[in-house]
């Protein structure tokens, strides 16, 4: 069954730069590429996408999507544990110092994920009716 998780963690060895709020800025694109590369290694078989950055040192909000047909998706607790285990084992996440207590996965969407082009539509069921939750480009 597919799964999609909105997740986040806080990088403590980066200073906040307001340019990280601009998805067209070089700073946003560069940090996104670095984080997505590391996340791709951590979550093999999943599609990962940085959604945005927030102030607080730098808080990284990202999405992890396990597509249908790849076997059962891990639970949100397992998604969190994978990152925490990496931090415990290596002390860092690549070149990033990450506050292990800030690792959070939520917004579990495991009932139905529909792919249209490269747009993901996540649905959940309420009394036999489908309700649109979010559509995002990968």
Protein backbone atom coordinates (compact mmCIF):
# COMPACT_ATOMS: atom_id res chain seq x y z
CA UNK A 1 0.00 0.00 0.00
CA UNK A 2 1.37 3.46 -0.84
CA UNK A 3 2.22 5.97 1.84
CA UNK A 4 2.95 9.68 1.90
CA UNK A 5 4.35 11.53 4.89
CA UNK A 6 4.92 15.21 5.58
CA UNK A 7 8.07 15.24 7.69
CA UNK A 8 10.55 17.68 9.14
CA UNK A 9 13.80 18.09 11.02
CA UNK A 10 15.93 20.98 12.27
CA UNK A 11 19.46 21.58 11.02
CA UNK A 12 21.48 23.27 13.76
CA UNK A 13 24.72 24.02 11.93
CA UNK A 14 23.16 26.31 9.32
CA UNK A 15 22.24 29.94 9.84
CA UNK A 16 18.86 31.07 8.59
CA UNK A 17 18.92 32.93 5.28
CA UNK A 18 15.69 34.63 4.13
CA UNK A 19 16.56 33.58 0.56
CA UNK A 20 15.60 30.04 1.60
CA UNK A 21 11.96 31.15 1.46
CA UNK A 22 12.30 31.89 -2.27
CA UNK A 23 12.00 28.62 -4.22
CA UNK A 24 13.62 30.30 -7.23
CA UNK A 25 16.73 31.42 -5.32
CA UNK A 26 20.07 29.69 -5.79
CA UNK A 27 20.26 29.15 -2.01
CA UNK A 28 16.93 27.31 -1.95
CA UNK A 29 17.81 25.17 -4.97
CA UNK A 30 21.26 24.27 -3.68
CA UNK A 31 20.13 23.30 -0.19
CA UNK A 32 17.15 21.42 -1.64
CA UNK A 33 19.44 19.38 -3.89
CA UNK A 34 21.76 18.51 -0.97
CA UNK A 35 18.91 17.52 1.35
CA UNK A 36 17.00 15.54 -1.29
CA UNK A 37 20.16 13.63 -2.19
CA UNK A 38 20.68 12.60 1.45
CA UNK A 39 17.00 11.75 1.92
CA UNK A 40 17.01 9.65 -1.26
CA UNK A 41 19.84 7.56 0.21
CA UNK A 42 17.97 7.22 3.50
CA UNK A 43 14.60 6.24 1.99
CA UNK A 44 15.39 3.94 -0.97
CA UNK A 45 12.40 3.21 -3.17
CA UNK A 46 10.65 6.39 -2.04
CA UNK A 47 10.29 9.71 -3.79
CA UNK A 48 11.46 12.59 -1.62
CA UNK A 49 10.85 16.30 -2.07
CA UNK A 50 11.77 19.30 0.03
CA UNK A 51 8.60 21.31 0.52
CA UNK A 52 10.06 24.37 2.23
CA UNK A 53 12.49 25.75 4.78
CA UNK A 54 11.58 27.69 7.93
CA UNK A 55 13.51 29.74 10.43
CA UNK A 56 14.62 27.98 13.62
CA UNK A 57 18.22 27.52 12.65
CA UNK A 58 16.88 25.90 9.46
CA UNK A 59 13.82 23.64 9.67
CA UNK A 60 13.49 21.36 6.65
CA UNK A 61 9.97 20.31 5.72
CA UNK A 62 9.91 17.43 3.26
CA UNK A 63 7.63 14.80 1.80
CA UNK A 64 8.38 11.08 1.55
CA UNK A 65 6.18 9.12 -0.88
CA UNK A 66 6.26 5.35 -1.21
CA UNK A 67 4.51 4.46 -4.48
CA UNK A 68 2.07 1.62 -4.91
CA UNK A 69 3.58 -1.65 -6.05
CA UNK A 70 6.77 -1.22 -4.04
CA UNK A 71 5.50 -3.36 -1.16
CA UNK A 72 4.04 -2.05 2.07
CA UNK A 73 5.03 1.48 3.00
CA UNK A 74 6.67 1.97 6.37
CA UNK A 75 4.65 3.60 9.13
CA UNK A 76 5.27 7.22 10.08
CA UNK A 77 7.09 5.94 13.17
CA UNK A 78 9.41 3.89 10.95
CA UNK A 79 10.07 6.93 8.74
CA UNK A 80 11.10 8.88 11.84
CA UNK A 81 13.15 5.98 13.20
CA UNK A 82 15.14 5.63 9.96
CA UNK A 83 16.40 9.19 10.27
CA UNK A 84 16.96 8.99 14.02
CA UNK A 85 18.91 5.73 13.60
CA UNK A 86 21.13 7.39 11.00
CA UNK A 87 21.77 10.30 13.36
CA UNK A 88 22.59 7.94 16.22
CA UNK A 89 24.92 5.84 14.06
CA UNK A 90 26.75 8.65 12.24
CA UNK A 91 26.22 11.62 14.54
CA UNK A 92 25.21 13.74 11.54
CA UNK A 93 23.02 13.60 8.46
CA UNK A 94 25.65 14.05 5.79
CA UNK A 95 27.20 17.43 6.54
CA UNK A 96 24.17 18.52 8.55
CA UNK A 97 23.93 18.55 12.34
CA UNK A 98 20.32 17.58 13.02
CA UNK A 99 18.50 17.83 16.34
CA UNK A 100 17.21 14.25 16.75
CA UNK A 101 14.34 15.50 18.91
CA UNK A 102 13.13 17.64 16.00
CA UNK A 103 12.58 14.68 13.66
CA UNK A 104 8.87 14.35 13.00
CA UNK A 105 6.77 12.53 10.42
CA UNK A 106 3.07 13.14 10.19
CA UNK A 107 0.11 13.60 7.89
CA UNK A 108 0.08 9.93 7.07
CA UNK A 109 -1.77 9.37 3.81
CA UNK A 110 -1.78 5.64 3.19
CA UNK A 111 -5.22 4.86 1.85
CA UNK A 112 -4.92 5.91 -1.77
CA UNK A 113 -2.27 7.73 -3.77
CA UNK A 114 -3.08 8.50 -7.39
CA UNK A 115 -0.41 9.60 -9.87
CA UNK A 116 -1.37 11.91 -12.72
CA UNK A 117 1.67 12.92 -14.78
CA UNK A 118 4.10 13.95 -12.02
CA UNK A 119 1.36 15.27 -9.75
CA UNK A 120 0.51 13.31 -6.63
CA UNK A 121 -3.04 13.40 -5.39
CA UNK A 122 -3.55 11.99 -1.91
CA UNK A 123 -7.03 10.91 -0.88
CA UNK A 124 -8.61 9.52 2.21
CA UNK A 125 -12.00 7.84 2.62
CA UNK A 126 -14.85 9.08 4.78
CA UNK A 127 -17.96 6.92 4.81
CA UNK A 128 -17.26 5.46 1.35
CA UNK A 129 -16.58 8.89 -0.19
CA UNK A 130 -13.21 10.10 -1.46
CA UNK A 131 -12.12 13.54 -0.44
CA UNK A 132 -9.22 15.44 -2.04
CA UNK A 133 -6.51 16.30 0.48
CA UNK A 134 -3.63 17.73 -1.52
CA UNK A 135 -2.12 17.72 -4.99
CA UNK A 136 1.56 18.52 -5.30
CA UNK A 137 4.16 18.30 -8.01
CA UNK A 138 7.17 16.11 -7.42
